[in-house]
PDB file of N, CA and C in Angstrom:
ATOM      1  N   MET A   1     100.836-119.135 -50.771  1.00  0.00           N
ATOM      2  CA  MET A   1     101.942-118.785 -50.166  1.00  0.00           C
ATOM      3  C   MET A   1     102.570-120.451 -49.038  1.00  0.00           C
ATOM      4  N   SER A   2     102.909-120.387 -48.304  1.00  0.00           N
ATOM      5  CA  SER A   2     103.852-121.879 -47.859  1.00  0.00           C
ATOM      6  C   SER A   2     104.445-121.318 -46.812  1.00  0.00           C
ATOM      7  N   THR A   3     104.323-122.755 -45.892  1.00  0.00           N
ATOM      8  CA  THR A   3     105.307-122.402 -44.716  1.00  0.00           C
ATOM      9  C   THR A   3     106.238-122.223 -44.854  1.00  0.00           C
ATOM     10  N   TYR A   4     107.219-121.375 -44.229  1.00  0.00           N
ATOM     11  CA  TYR A   4     108.949-121.479 -43.775  1.00  0.00           C
ATOM     12  C   TYR A   4     109.119-120.448 -43.261  1.00  0.00           C
ATOM     13  N   ILE A   5     110.514-120.914 -42.873  1.00  0.00           N
ATOM     14  CA  ILE A   5     111.496-120.237 -41.679  1.00  0.00           C
ATOM     15  C   ILE A   5     112.217-118.921 -42.229  1.00  0.00           C
ATOM     16  N   ASP A   6     111.870-117.882 -41.368  1.00  0.00           N
ATOM     17  CA  ASP A   6     112.629-117.005 -41.661  1.00  0.00           C
ATOM     18  C   ASP A   6     113.185-116.041 -39.620  1.00  0.00           C
ATOM     19  N   GLN A   7     113.730-114.663 -40.121  1.00  0.00           N
ATOM     20  CA  GLN A   7     114.021-114.417 -39.036  1.00  0.00           C
ATOM     21  C   GLN A   7     113.103-113.192 -38.982  1.00  0.00           C
ATOM     22  N   ALA A   8     112.970-112.870 -37.267  1.00  0.00           N
ATOM     23  CA  ALA A   8     111.622-112.078 -36.967  1.00  0.00           C
ATOM     24  C   ALA A   8     112.148-111.838 -35.632  1.00  0.00           C
ATOM     25  N   ILE A   9     111.758-110.407 -34.972  1.00  0.00           N
ATOM     26  CA  ILE A   9     111.464-110.130 -33.528  1.00  0.00           C
ATOM     27  C   ILE A   9     110.550-111.111 -32.846  1.00  0.00           C
ATOM     28  N   ASN A  10     111.076-111.716 -31.630  1.00  0.00           N
ATOM     29  CA  ASN A  10     110.036-112.618 -30.709  1.00  0.00           C
ATOM     30  C   ASN A  10     109.493-111.796 -29.885  1.00  0.00           C
ATOM     31  N   PRO A  11     108.648-110.643 -30.340  1.00  0.00           N
ATOM     32  CA  PRO A  11     107.589-110.257 -28.856  1.00  0.00           C
ATOM     33  C   PRO A  11     107.519-110.648 -27.497  1.00  0.00           C
ATOM     34  N   LYS A  12     108.041-111.628 -27.304  1.00  0.00           N
ATOM     35  CA  LYS A  12     108.976-112.254 -25.766  1.00  0.00           C
ATOM     36  C   LYS A  12     110.008-111.342 -25.372  1.00  0.00           C
ATOM     37  N   THR A  13     110.607-111.753 -26.325  1.00  0.00           N
ATOM     38  CA  THR A  13     111.921-111.334 -25.765  1.00  0.00           C
ATOM     39  C   THR A  13     112.515-109.912 -26.287  1.00  0.00           C
ATOM     40  N   ASN A  14     111.915-109.386 -27.452  1.00  0.00           N
ATOM     41  CA  ASN A  14     112.425-108.359 -28.095  1.00  0.00           C
ATOM     42  C   ASN A  14     113.515-108.486 -28.983  1.00  0.00           C
ATOM     43  N   LYS A  15     113.914-110.023 -29.364  1.00  0.00           N
ATOM     44  CA  LYS A  15     115.314-110.158 -30.254  1.00  0.00           C
ATOM     45  C   LYS A  15     114.393-111.018 -31.482  1.00  0.00           C
ATOM     46  N   VAL A  16     115.963-110.544 -32.411  1.00  0.00           N
ATOM     47  CA  VAL A  16     115.594-111.772 -33.738  1.00  0.00           C
ATOM     48  C   VAL A  16     116.550-112.404 -33.330  1.00  0.00           C
ATOM     49  N   GLN A  17     114.738-113.434 -34.466  1.00  0.00           N
ATOM     50  CA  GLN A  17     115.456-115.022 -33.565  1.00  0.00           C
ATOM     51  C   GLN A  17     114.525-115.980 -34.798  1.00  0.00           C
ATOM     52  N   SER A  18     114.885-116.968 -35.163  1.00  0.00           N
ATOM     53  CA  SER A  18     114.616-117.953 -36.540  1.00  0.00           C
ATOM     54  C   SER A  18     112.935-118.154 -35.859  1.00  0.00           C
ATOM     55  N   ALA A  19     112.215-117.775 -36.789  1.00  0.00           N
ATOM     56  CA  ALA A  19     110.665-117.890 -36.839  1.00  0.00           C
ATOM     57  C   ALA A  19     110.317-118.714 -37.441  1.00  0.00           C
ATOM     58  N   PHE A  20     109.008-119.748 -37.127  1.00  0.00           N
ATOM     59  CA  PHE A  20     108.614-120.199 -38.227  1.00  0.00           C
ATOM     60  C   PHE A  20     107.078-119.785 -38.994  1.00  0.00           C
ATOM     61  N   PHE A  21     106.825-119.158 -40.049  1.00  0.00           N
ATOM     62  CA  PHE A  21     105.759-118.556 -40.943  1.00  0.00           C
ATOM     63  C   PHE A  21     105.150-119.806 -41.069  1.00  0.00           C
ATOM     64  N   ILE A  22     104.053-119.578 -40.492  1.00  0.00           N
ATOM     65  CA  ILE A  22     103.054-120.810 -40.909  1.00  0.00           C
ATOM     66  C   ILE A  22     101.829-120.346 -41.100  1.00  0.00           C
ATOM     67  N   ASP A  23     101.518-120.929 -43.043  1.00  0.00           N
ATOM     68  CA  ASP A  23     100.518-120.326 -43.505  1.00  0.00           C
ATOM     69  C   ASP A  23      99.044-121.368 -43.622  1.00  0.00           C
ATOM     70  N   ASP A  24      98.142-120.317 -43.292  1.00  0.00           N
ATOM     71  CA  ASP A  24      96.630-120.462 -43.240  1.00  0.00           C
ATOM     72  C   ASP A  24      96.713-121.046 -41.319  1.00  0.00           C
ATOM     73  N   TYR A  25      97.506-120.821 -41.094  1.00  0.00           N
ATOM     74  CA  TYR A  25      97.519-121.200 -39.188  1.00  0.00           C
ATOM     75  C   TYR A  25      96.402-120.678 -38.656  1.00  0.00           C
ATOM     76  N   TYR A  26      96.191-119.166 -39.314  1.00  0.00           N
ATOM     77  CA  TYR A  26      94.682-118.483 -38.394  1.00  0.00           C
ATOM     78  C   TYR A  26      93.246-117.974 -39.763  1.00  0.00           C
ATOM     79  N   GLY A  27      93.665-119.146 -40.508  1.00  0.00           N
ATOM     80  CA  GLY A  27      92.646-119.155 -41.892  1.00  0.00           C
ATOM     81  C   GLY A  27      93.170-119.085 -43.232  1.00  0.00           C
ATOM     82  N   THR A  28      92.760-118.670 -44.409  1.00  0.00           N
ATOM     83  CA  THR A  28      93.458-118.930 -45.298  1.00  0.00           C
ATOM     84  C   THR A  28      94.524-117.656 -45.587  1.00  0.00           C
ATOM     85  N   HIS A  29      95.622-117.978 -45.739  1.00  0.00           N
ATOM     86  CA  HIS A  29      97.015-117.126 -45.963  1.00  0.00           C
ATOM     87  C   HIS A  29      96.722-115.996 -44.779  1.00  0.00           C
ATOM     88  N   ASN A  30      96.377-116.364 -43.695  1.00  0.00           N
ATOM     89  CA  ASN A  30      96.532-115.384 -42.419  1.00  0.00           C
ATOM     90  C   ASN A  30      97.634-116.624 -41.221  1.00  0.00           C
ATOM     91  N   TYR A  31      98.556-116.017 -42.028  1.00  0.00           N
ATOM     92  CA  TYR A  31      99.982-116.542 -41.055  1.00  0.00           C
ATOM     93  C   TYR A  31     100.104-116.356 -39.319  1.00  0.00           C
ATOM     94  N   GLY A  32     101.248-117.838 -39.429  1.00  0.00           N
ATOM     95  CA  GLY A  32     100.921-117.818 -37.713  1.00  0.00           C
ATOM     96  C   GLY A  32     102.607-117.428 -37.820  1.00  0.00           C
ATOM     97  N   VAL A  33     103.046-117.394 -36.879  1.00  0.00           N
ATOM     98  CA  VAL A  33     104.427-116.925 -36.344  1.00  0.00           C
ATOM     99  C   VAL A  33     104.455-117.279 -35.376  1.00  0.00           C
ATOM    100  N   GLY A  34     105.820-118.554 -35.243  1.00  0.00           N
ATOM    101  CA  GLY A  34     105.537-119.121 -33.940  1.00  0.00           C
ATOM    102  C   GLY A  34     107.692-119.222 -33.626  1.00  0.00           C
ATOM    103  N   PHE A  35     107.732-118.952 -32.452  1.00  0.00           N
ATOM    104  CA  PHE A  35     109.025-119.020 -31.951  1.00  0.00           C
ATOM    105  C   PHE A  35     108.760-120.212 -30.689  1.00  0.00           C
ATOM    106  N   ARG A  36     110.480-120.696 -30.689  1.00  0.00           N
ATOM    107  CA  ARG A  36     110.434-121.793 -29.762  1.00  0.00           C
ATOM    108  C   ARG A  36     110.194-121.240 -28.785  1.00  0.00           C
ATOM    109  N   LYS A  37     109.684-121.807 -27.458  1.00  0.00           N
ATOM    110  CA  LYS A  37     109.802-121.201 -26.070  1.00  0.00           C
ATOM    111  C   LYS A  37     111.410-121.473 -25.810  1.00  0.00           C
ATOM    112  N   ASP A  38     112.289-122.467 -26.189  1.00  0.00           N
ATOM    113  CA  ASP A  38     113.332-122.921 -25.350  1.00  0.00           C
ATOM    114  C   ASP A  38     114.257-121.929 -25.744  1.00  0.00           C
ATOM    115  N   GLY A  39     113.952-121.429 -27.075  1.00  0.00           N
ATOM    116  CA  GLY A  39     114.994-120.445 -27.768  1.00  0.00           C
ATOM    117  C   GLY A  39     115.889-121.589 -28.919  1.00  0.00           C
ATOM    118  N   GLY A  40     114.903-122.780 -29.272  1.00  0.00           N
ATOM    119  CA  GLY A  40     116.236-123.755 -30.031  1.00  0.00           C
ATOM    120  C   GLY A  40     115.926-123.484 -31.127  1.00  0.00           C
ATOM    121  N   LYS A  41     117.001-124.224 -32.048  1.00  0.00           N
ATOM    122  CA  LYS A  41     116.686-124.238 -33.746  1.00  0.00           C
ATOM    123  C   LYS A  41     115.534-125.033 -34.225  1.00  0.00           C
ATOM    124  N   ILE A  42     114.881-124.016 -35.136  1.00  0.00           N
ATOM    125  CA  ILE A  42     113.924-124.749 -36.031  1.00  0.00           C
ATOM    126  C   ILE A  42     113.900-125.598 -37.525  1.00  0.00           C
ATOM    127  N   ASN A  43     113.458-126.577 -37.520  1.00  0.00           N
ATOM    128  CA  ASN A  43     113.591-127.440 -38.450  1.00  0.00           C
ATOM    129  C   ASN A  43     112.010-127.213 -38.959  1.00  0.00           C
ATOM    130  N   ILE A  44     111.993-127.153 -40.790  1.00  0.00           N
ATOM    131  CA  ILE A  44     110.760-127.286 -41.379  1.00  0.00           C
ATOM    132  C   ILE A  44     109.856-128.251 -41.185  1.00  0.00           C
ATOM    133  N   ARG A  45     110.623-129.815 -40.514  1.00  0.00           N
ATOM    134  CA  ARG A  45     109.774-130.582 -40.484  1.00  0.00           C
ATOM    135  C   ARG A  45     109.444-130.684 -39.063  1.00  0.00           C
ATOM    136  N   ASP A  46     109.531-129.371 -37.820  1.00  0.00           N
ATOM    137  CA  ASP A  46     108.884-129.678 -36.945  1.00  0.00           C
ATOM    138  C   ASP A  46     107.315-129.878 -37.205  1.00  0.00           C
ATOM    139  N   ASP A  47     106.986-130.421 -36.021  1.00  0.00           N
ATOM    140  CA  ASP A  47     105.633-130.347 -35.592  1.00  0.00           C
ATOM    141  C   ASP A  47     105.445-129.127 -34.941  1.00  0.00           C
ATOM    142  N   ILE A  48     104.430-127.812 -35.174  1.00  0.00           N
ATOM    143  CA  ILE A  48     104.072-127.005 -34.359  1.00  0.00           C
ATOM    144  C   ILE A  48     103.379-127.468 -32.898  1.00  0.00           C
ATOM    145  N   VAL A  49     103.857-127.612 -31.899  1.00  0.00           N
ATOM    146  CA  VAL A  49     103.006-128.040 -30.730  1.00  0.00           C
ATOM    147  C   VAL A  49     103.121-127.214 -30.252  1.00  0.00           C
ATOM    148  N   GLU A  50     101.913-126.157 -29.736  1.00  0.00           N
ATOM    149  CA  GLU A  50     101.809-125.549 -28.321  1.00  0.00           C
ATOM    150  C   GLU A  50     102.546-125.470 -27.025  1.00  0.00           C
ATOM    151  N   SER A  51     102.996-126.432 -26.607  1.00  0.00           N
ATOM    152  CA  SER A  51     103.927-126.251 -25.343  1.00  0.00           C
ATOM    153  C   SER A  51     105.133-126.455 -26.331  1.00  0.00           C
ATOM    154  N   GLU A  52     105.404-126.064 -27.069  1.00  0.00           N
ATOM    155  CA  GLU A  52     106.730-125.701 -27.904  1.00  0.00           C
ATOM    156  C   GLU A  52     107.043-124.221 -28.310  1.00  0.00           C
ATOM    157  N   TYR A  53     106.172-123.761 -29.083  1.00  0.00           N
ATOM    158  CA  TYR A  53     106.142-122.529 -29.495  1.00  0.00           C
ATOM    159  C   TYR A  53     104.949-121.610 -28.876  1.00  0.00           C
ATOM    160  N   GLU A  54     105.558-120.546 -29.185  1.00  0.00           N
ATOM    161  CA  GLU A  54     104.922-119.679 -28.876  1.00  0.00           C
ATOM    162  C   GLU A  54     104.149-119.087 -30.299  1.00  0.00           C
ATOM    163  N   ILE A  55     103.282-119.162 -30.346  1.00  0.00           N
ATOM    164  CA  ILE A  55     102.880-118.722 -31.904  1.00  0.00           C
ATOM    165  C   ILE A  55     101.858-116.812 -31.931  1.00  0.00           C
ATOM    166  N   TYR A  56     102.744-116.164 -32.906  1.00  0.00           N
ATOM    167  CA  TYR A  56     101.372-114.701 -32.744  1.00  0.00           C
ATOM    168  C   TYR A  56     100.797-114.746 -34.405  1.00  0.00           C
ATOM    169  N   PRO A  57      99.897-114.158 -34.429  1.00  0.00           N
ATOM    170  CA  PRO A  57      99.471-113.392 -35.649  1.00  0.00           C
ATOM    171  C   PRO A  57     100.717-112.651 -36.444  1.00  0.00           C
ATOM    172  N   ILE A  58     100.654-112.800 -37.550  1.00  0.00           N
ATOM    173  CA  ILE A  58     102.044-112.007 -38.510  1.00  0.00           C
ATOM    174  C   ILE A  58     101.872-110.420 -37.915  1.00  0.00           C
ATOM    175  N   GLU A  59     100.223-109.898 -38.071  1.00  0.00           N
ATOM    176  CA  GLU A  59      99.824-108.344 -37.664  1.00  0.00           C
ATOM    177  C   GLU A  59     101.402-108.191 -36.584  1.00  0.00           C
ATOM    178  N   GLN A  60     100.905-108.446 -35.701  1.00  0.00           N
ATOM    179  CA  GLN A  60     101.596-108.416 -34.717  1.00  0.00           C
ATOM    180  C   GLN A  60     103.227-108.555 -34.150  1.00  0.00           C
ATOM    181  N   ILE A  61     103.754-109.428 -35.944  1.00  0.00           N
ATOM    182  CA  ILE A  61     105.273-109.247 -36.284  1.00  0.00           C
ATOM    183  C   ILE A  61     105.671-108.267 -36.273  1.00  0.00           C
ATOM    184  N   LYS A  62     104.551-107.598 -37.441  1.00  0.00           N
ATOM    185  CA  LYS A  62     104.752-106.718 -38.436  1.00  0.00           C
ATOM    186  C   LYS A  62     104.888-105.101 -37.725  1.00  0.00           C
ATOM    187  N   THR A  63     103.814-104.992 -37.038  1.00  0.00           N
ATOM    188  CA  THR A  63     103.800-104.241 -35.945  1.00  0.00           C
ATOM    189  C   THR A  63     105.359-103.509 -35.170  1.00  0.00           C
ATOM    190  N   GLN A  64     106.199-104.691 -34.755  1.00  0.00           N
ATOM    191  CA  GLN A  64     106.796-104.532 -33.318  1.00  0.00           C
ATOM    192  C   GLN A  64     107.707-104.747 -34.730  1.00  0.00           C
ATOM    193  N   ALA A  65     108.061-104.897 -35.759  1.00  0.00           N
ATOM    194  CA  ALA A  65     109.276-104.332 -36.710  1.00  0.00           C
ATOM    195  C   ALA A  65     109.502-103.264 -36.844  1.00  0.00           C
ATOM    196  N   GLU A  66     108.289-102.464 -37.138  1.00  0.00           N
ATOM    197  CA  GLU A  66     108.125-101.368 -37.507  1.00  0.00           C
ATOM    198  C   GLU A  66     108.516-100.393 -36.251  1.00  0.00           C
ATOM    199  N   GLU A  67     108.209-100.559 -35.488  1.00  0.00           N
ATOM    200  CA  GLU A  67     108.436-100.026 -34.186  1.00  0.00           C
ATOM    201  C   GLU A  67     109.544-100.453 -33.887  1.00  0.00           C
ATOM    202  N   SER A  68     110.147-101.254 -34.280  1.00  0.00           N
ATOM    203  CA  SER A  68     111.837-101.304 -33.744  1.00  0.00           C
ATOM    204  C   SER A  68     112.731-100.395 -34.548  1.00  0.00           C
ATOM    205  N   ASN A  69     111.998-100.169 -35.979  1.00  0.00           N
ATOM    206  CA  ASN A  69     112.453 -99.346 -37.091  1.00  0.00           C
ATOM    207  C   ASN A  69     112.384 -98.185 -37.637  1.00  0.00           C
ATOM    208  N   SER A  70     111.224 -97.557 -35.850  1.00  0.00           N
ATOM    209  CA  SER A  70     111.426 -96.348 -35.828  1.00  0.00           C
ATOM    210  C   SER A  70     112.474 -95.468 -34.747  1.00  0.00           C
TER     211      SER A  70
END
């Protein structure tokens, strides 16, 4: 597994935006999904600073995506 950028629904805004999928954020192969608080563009080389990112467990992001598809 690895860290990557993809589109996801931001739980705070309910809008699709770029997200940082961070491998091992919550433990071995447990992804954290980070959205920039300012809505700005994400660069794979960004440092994950909690003052700049809202970070959620991937399970929360998956559940929200499933609910929006229903």
